[in-house]
């Protein structure tokens, strides 16, 4: 998504086609979670630590809004909802 937003900002693309904007995902990077788990398990003393994840997965629309706002763009002018586009995963 960030590449598409950058290409739109540079005028190389006009639109981003996405499927279900209501789909919710955990957008975290698995490597970060593994590192956090390792750090928690290797502490000398148990502590109340928590990984840096959200309690509720974010929707595709929330991520789109954030990405376009960081580029000073109105996502609604560039995102085309095409329900034929799918990740193949259930929402």
N, C-alpha and C. Protein backbone atom coordinates (compact mmCIF):
# COMPACT_ATOMS: atom_id res chain seq x y z
N UNK A 1 0.82 -1.18 0.00
CA UNK A 1 0.00 0.00 0.00
C UNK A 1 0.87 1.25 0.00
N UNK A 2 1.94 1.24 0.76
CA UNK A 2 2.78 2.44 0.81
C UNK A 2 3.38 2.75 -0.56
N UNK A 3 3.74 1.72 -1.30
CA UNK A 3 4.28 1.94 -2.65
C UNK A 3 3.21 2.57 -3.56
N UNK A 4 1.99 2.07 -3.47
CA UNK A 4 0.90 2.63 -4.28
C UNK A 4 0.64 4.09 -3.92
N UNK A 5 0.63 4.40 -2.63
CA UNK A 5 0.41 5.78 -2.19
C UNK A 5 1.53 6.68 -2.71
N UNK A 6 2.77 6.20 -2.62
CA UNK A 6 3.90 6.99 -3.10
C UNK A 6 3.79 7.22 -4.61
N UNK A 7 3.41 6.20 -5.36
CA UNK A 7 3.28 6.35 -6.82
C UNK A 7 2.16 7.34 -7.17
N UNK A 8 1.08 7.32 -6.39
CA UNK A 8 -0.01 8.27 -6.61
C UNK A 8 0.47 9.68 -6.28
N UNK A 9 1.18 9.83 -5.18
CA UNK A 9 1.70 11.15 -4.78
C UNK A 9 2.63 11.72 -5.85
N UNK A 10 3.42 10.85 -6.48
CA UNK A 10 4.36 11.29 -7.53
C UNK A 10 3.70 11.46 -8.90
N UNK A 11 2.41 11.14 -8.99
CA UNK A 11 1.70 11.27 -10.26
C UNK A 11 1.94 10.11 -11.21
N UNK A 12 2.53 9.02 -10.73
CA UNK A 12 2.80 7.87 -11.58
C UNK A 12 1.59 6.94 -11.69
N UNK A 13 0.70 7.03 -10.74
CA UNK A 13 -0.55 6.26 -10.73
C UNK A 13 -1.67 7.20 -10.33
N UNK A 14 -2.91 6.80 -10.66
CA UNK A 14 -4.05 7.63 -10.28
C UNK A 14 -4.93 6.98 -9.22
N UNK A 15 -4.90 5.63 -9.18
CA UNK A 15 -5.82 4.96 -8.26
C UNK A 15 -5.20 3.70 -7.66
N UNK A 16 -5.81 3.29 -6.57
CA UNK A 16 -5.46 2.04 -5.90
C UNK A 16 -6.73 1.23 -5.80
N UNK A 17 -6.72 0.03 -6.38
CA UNK A 17 -7.90 -0.84 -6.35
C UNK A 17 -7.78 -1.79 -5.16
N UNK A 18 -8.81 -1.76 -4.32
CA UNK A 18 -8.85 -2.62 -3.16
C UNK A 18 -10.19 -3.32 -3.06
N UNK A 19 -10.21 -4.41 -2.33
CA UNK A 19 -11.44 -5.17 -2.12
C UNK A 19 -12.21 -4.64 -0.92
N UNK A 20 -12.46 -5.50 0.02
CA UNK A 20 -13.28 -5.20 1.19
C UNK A 20 -12.53 -4.29 2.16
N UNK A 21 -12.95 -3.04 2.24
CA UNK A 21 -12.30 -2.08 3.14
C UNK A 21 -12.65 -2.33 4.60
N UNK A 22 -13.67 -3.14 4.84
CA UNK A 22 -14.07 -3.44 6.22
C UNK A 22 -13.30 -4.62 6.80
N UNK A 23 -12.55 -5.33 5.97
CA UNK A 23 -11.78 -6.47 6.45
C UNK A 23 -10.81 -6.01 7.53
N UNK A 24 -10.64 -6.81 8.55
CA UNK A 24 -9.75 -6.47 9.66
C UNK A 24 -8.57 -7.42 9.67
N UNK A 25 -7.41 -6.86 9.90
CA UNK A 25 -6.17 -7.64 9.91
C UNK A 25 -5.28 -7.15 11.04
N UNK A 26 -4.39 -8.03 11.47
CA UNK A 26 -3.32 -7.63 12.36
C UNK A 26 -2.17 -7.27 11.44
N UNK A 27 -1.83 -6.00 11.36
CA UNK A 27 -0.84 -5.52 10.40
C UNK A 27 0.58 -5.58 10.94
N UNK A 28 0.74 -6.18 12.09
CA UNK A 28 2.07 -6.26 12.70
C UNK A 28 3.01 -7.17 11.92
N UNK A 29 4.30 -6.96 12.13
CA UNK A 29 5.36 -7.75 11.50
C UNK A 29 5.70 -8.91 12.43
N UNK A 30 5.60 -10.13 11.94
CA UNK A 30 5.81 -11.32 12.77
C UNK A 30 7.18 -11.31 13.46
N UNK A 31 8.20 -10.84 12.76
CA UNK A 31 9.54 -10.78 13.35
C UNK A 31 9.59 -9.93 14.60
N UNK A 32 8.81 -8.85 14.63
CA UNK A 32 8.76 -8.00 15.83
C UNK A 32 8.13 -8.74 17.00
N UNK A 33 7.08 -9.52 16.72
CA UNK A 33 6.42 -10.28 17.78
C UNK A 33 7.35 -11.35 18.33
N UNK A 34 8.07 -12.02 17.45
CA UNK A 34 9.02 -13.06 17.89
C UNK A 34 10.10 -12.44 18.77
N UNK A 35 10.63 -11.30 18.35
CA UNK A 35 11.66 -10.63 19.14
C UNK A 35 11.11 -10.24 20.51
N UNK A 36 9.89 -9.71 20.55
CA UNK A 36 9.28 -9.32 21.82
C UNK A 36 9.10 -10.54 22.72
N UNK A 37 8.66 -11.66 22.16
CA UNK A 37 8.49 -12.87 22.97
C UNK A 37 9.83 -13.33 23.52
N UNK A 38 10.85 -13.30 22.69
CA UNK A 38 12.18 -13.71 23.14
C UNK A 38 12.66 -12.82 24.28
N UNK A 39 12.49 -11.52 24.14
CA UNK A 39 12.91 -10.60 25.20
C UNK A 39 12.14 -10.85 26.50
N UNK A 40 10.85 -11.16 26.38
CA UNK A 40 10.06 -11.43 27.58
C UNK A 40 10.54 -12.71 28.27
N UNK A 41 10.84 -13.71 27.48
CA UNK A 41 11.24 -15.00 28.04
C UNK A 41 12.65 -15.01 28.62
N UNK A 42 13.46 -14.05 28.23
CA UNK A 42 14.85 -14.06 28.70
C UNK A 42 15.10 -13.05 29.83
N UNK A 43 14.05 -12.49 30.39
CA UNK A 43 14.19 -11.58 31.53
C UNK A 43 14.57 -12.37 32.78
N UNK A 44 15.41 -11.80 33.62
CA UNK A 44 15.81 -12.46 34.87
C UNK A 44 14.64 -12.57 35.85
N UNK A 45 13.82 -11.54 35.89
CA UNK A 45 12.68 -11.50 36.81
C UNK A 45 11.40 -11.35 36.00
N UNK A 46 10.33 -12.06 36.37
CA UNK A 46 9.06 -11.87 35.65
C UNK A 46 8.53 -10.45 35.86
N UNK A 47 8.04 -9.87 34.79
CA UNK A 47 7.45 -8.53 34.85
C UNK A 47 6.20 -8.51 34.00
N UNK A 48 5.38 -7.54 34.21
CA UNK A 48 4.16 -7.39 33.43
C UNK A 48 4.47 -6.70 32.10
N UNK A 49 4.99 -7.46 31.15
CA UNK A 49 5.33 -6.89 29.84
C UNK A 49 4.23 -7.18 28.85
N UNK A 50 4.16 -6.35 27.86
CA UNK A 50 3.14 -6.51 26.83
C UNK A 50 3.75 -6.19 25.49
N UNK A 51 3.40 -6.96 24.48
CA UNK A 51 3.87 -6.68 23.12
C UNK A 51 3.19 -5.44 22.58
N UNK A 52 3.76 -4.84 21.56
CA UNK A 52 3.23 -3.60 21.00
C UNK A 52 2.17 -3.82 19.95
N UNK A 53 1.18 -4.60 20.23
CA UNK A 53 0.13 -4.84 19.25
C UNK A 53 -1.17 -4.18 19.70
N UNK A 54 -2.05 -4.03 18.75
CA UNK A 54 -3.36 -3.46 19.07
C UNK A 54 -4.24 -4.54 19.68
N UNK A 55 -5.16 -4.14 20.50
CA UNK A 55 -6.10 -5.12 21.06
C UNK A 55 -7.06 -5.62 19.98
N UNK A 56 -7.38 -4.77 19.03
CA UNK A 56 -8.31 -5.14 17.97
C UNK A 56 -7.63 -4.89 16.63
N UNK A 57 -7.72 -5.84 15.73
CA UNK A 57 -7.10 -5.62 14.41
C UNK A 57 -7.70 -4.39 13.72
N UNK A 58 -6.90 -3.72 12.94
CA UNK A 58 -7.35 -2.52 12.21
C UNK A 58 -7.98 -2.93 10.89
N UNK A 59 -8.93 -2.14 10.43
CA UNK A 59 -9.55 -2.41 9.14
C UNK A 59 -8.64 -1.92 8.02
N UNK A 60 -8.90 -2.44 6.83
CA UNK A 60 -8.17 -1.98 5.66
C UNK A 60 -8.41 -0.48 5.48
N UNK A 61 -9.64 -0.04 5.71
CA UNK A 61 -9.96 1.38 5.56
C UNK A 61 -9.14 2.24 6.52
N UNK A 62 -8.95 1.79 7.75
CA UNK A 62 -8.15 2.57 8.71
C UNK A 62 -6.71 2.69 8.22
N UNK A 63 -6.17 1.62 7.68
CA UNK A 63 -4.80 1.66 7.17
C UNK A 63 -4.72 2.58 5.94
N UNK A 64 -5.72 2.51 5.07
CA UNK A 64 -5.77 3.36 3.88
C UNK A 64 -5.82 4.83 4.29
N UNK A 65 -6.70 5.16 5.24
CA UNK A 65 -6.82 6.54 5.70
C UNK A 65 -5.48 7.05 6.23
N UNK A 66 -4.81 6.23 7.02
CA UNK A 66 -3.53 6.63 7.59
C UNK A 66 -2.48 6.82 6.50
N UNK A 67 -2.35 5.87 5.61
CA UNK A 67 -1.32 5.94 4.56
C UNK A 67 -1.51 7.17 3.68
N UNK A 68 -2.73 7.43 3.25
CA UNK A 68 -2.97 8.57 2.38
C UNK A 68 -2.82 9.89 3.13
N UNK A 69 -3.22 9.92 4.42
CA UNK A 69 -3.10 11.17 5.17
C UNK A 69 -1.63 11.54 5.37
N UNK A 70 -0.78 10.54 5.55
CA UNK A 70 0.66 10.82 5.72
C UNK A 70 1.27 11.40 4.45
N UNK A 71 0.64 11.14 3.30
CA UNK A 71 1.11 11.69 2.03
C UNK A 71 0.34 12.95 1.65
N UNK A 72 -0.49 13.45 2.57
CA UNK A 72 -1.31 14.64 2.31
C UNK A 72 -2.26 14.44 1.13
N UNK A 73 -2.86 13.27 1.05
CA UNK A 73 -3.80 12.95 -0.01
C UNK A 73 -5.12 12.51 0.59
N UNK A 74 -6.21 12.77 -0.15
CA UNK A 74 -7.54 12.31 0.25
C UNK A 74 -7.74 10.92 -0.35
N UNK A 75 -7.79 9.91 0.49
CA UNK A 75 -7.86 8.53 0.00
C UNK A 75 -9.11 8.30 -0.84
N UNK A 76 -10.20 8.99 -0.54
CA UNK A 76 -11.44 8.78 -1.27
C UNK A 76 -11.37 9.24 -2.72
N UNK A 77 -10.38 10.07 -3.04
CA UNK A 77 -10.19 10.51 -4.42
C UNK A 77 -9.38 9.50 -5.24
N UNK A 78 -8.76 8.53 -4.57
CA UNK A 78 -7.84 7.63 -5.27
C UNK A 78 -8.13 6.15 -5.10
N UNK A 79 -8.90 5.78 -4.09
CA UNK A 79 -9.16 4.35 -3.84
C UNK A 79 -10.44 3.94 -4.53
N UNK A 80 -10.34 2.87 -5.30
CA UNK A 80 -11.48 2.29 -5.99
C UNK A 80 -11.80 0.96 -5.32
N UNK A 81 -13.02 0.83 -4.82
CA UNK A 81 -13.44 -0.42 -4.20
C UNK A 81 -13.88 -1.38 -5.29
N UNK A 82 -13.19 -2.48 -5.39
CA UNK A 82 -13.47 -3.50 -6.40
C UNK A 82 -13.57 -4.83 -5.66
N UNK A 83 -14.77 -5.30 -5.48
CA UNK A 83 -14.97 -6.51 -4.69
C UNK A 83 -14.46 -7.77 -5.37
N UNK A 84 -13.98 -7.64 -6.60
CA UNK A 84 -13.32 -8.78 -7.25
C UNK A 84 -11.91 -8.95 -6.72
N UNK A 85 -11.39 -7.90 -6.07
CA UNK A 85 -10.05 -7.96 -5.47
C UNK A 85 -10.20 -8.61 -4.10
N UNK A 86 -9.45 -9.67 -3.87
CA UNK A 86 -9.55 -10.38 -2.60
C UNK A 86 -8.22 -10.99 -2.24
N UNK A 87 -7.96 -11.05 -0.94
CA UNK A 87 -6.73 -11.69 -0.48
C UNK A 87 -6.90 -13.20 -0.48
N UNK A 88 -8.12 -13.69 -0.65
CA UNK A 88 -8.36 -15.11 -0.60
C UNK A 88 -8.51 -15.61 0.82
N UNK A 89 -8.41 -14.70 1.79
CA UNK A 89 -8.56 -15.07 3.20
C UNK A 89 -9.90 -14.56 3.70
N UNK A 90 -10.53 -15.31 4.59
CA UNK A 90 -11.79 -14.80 5.15
C UNK A 90 -11.54 -13.59 6.02
N UNK A 91 -12.53 -12.72 6.11
CA UNK A 91 -12.39 -11.51 6.93
C UNK A 91 -12.81 -11.76 8.34
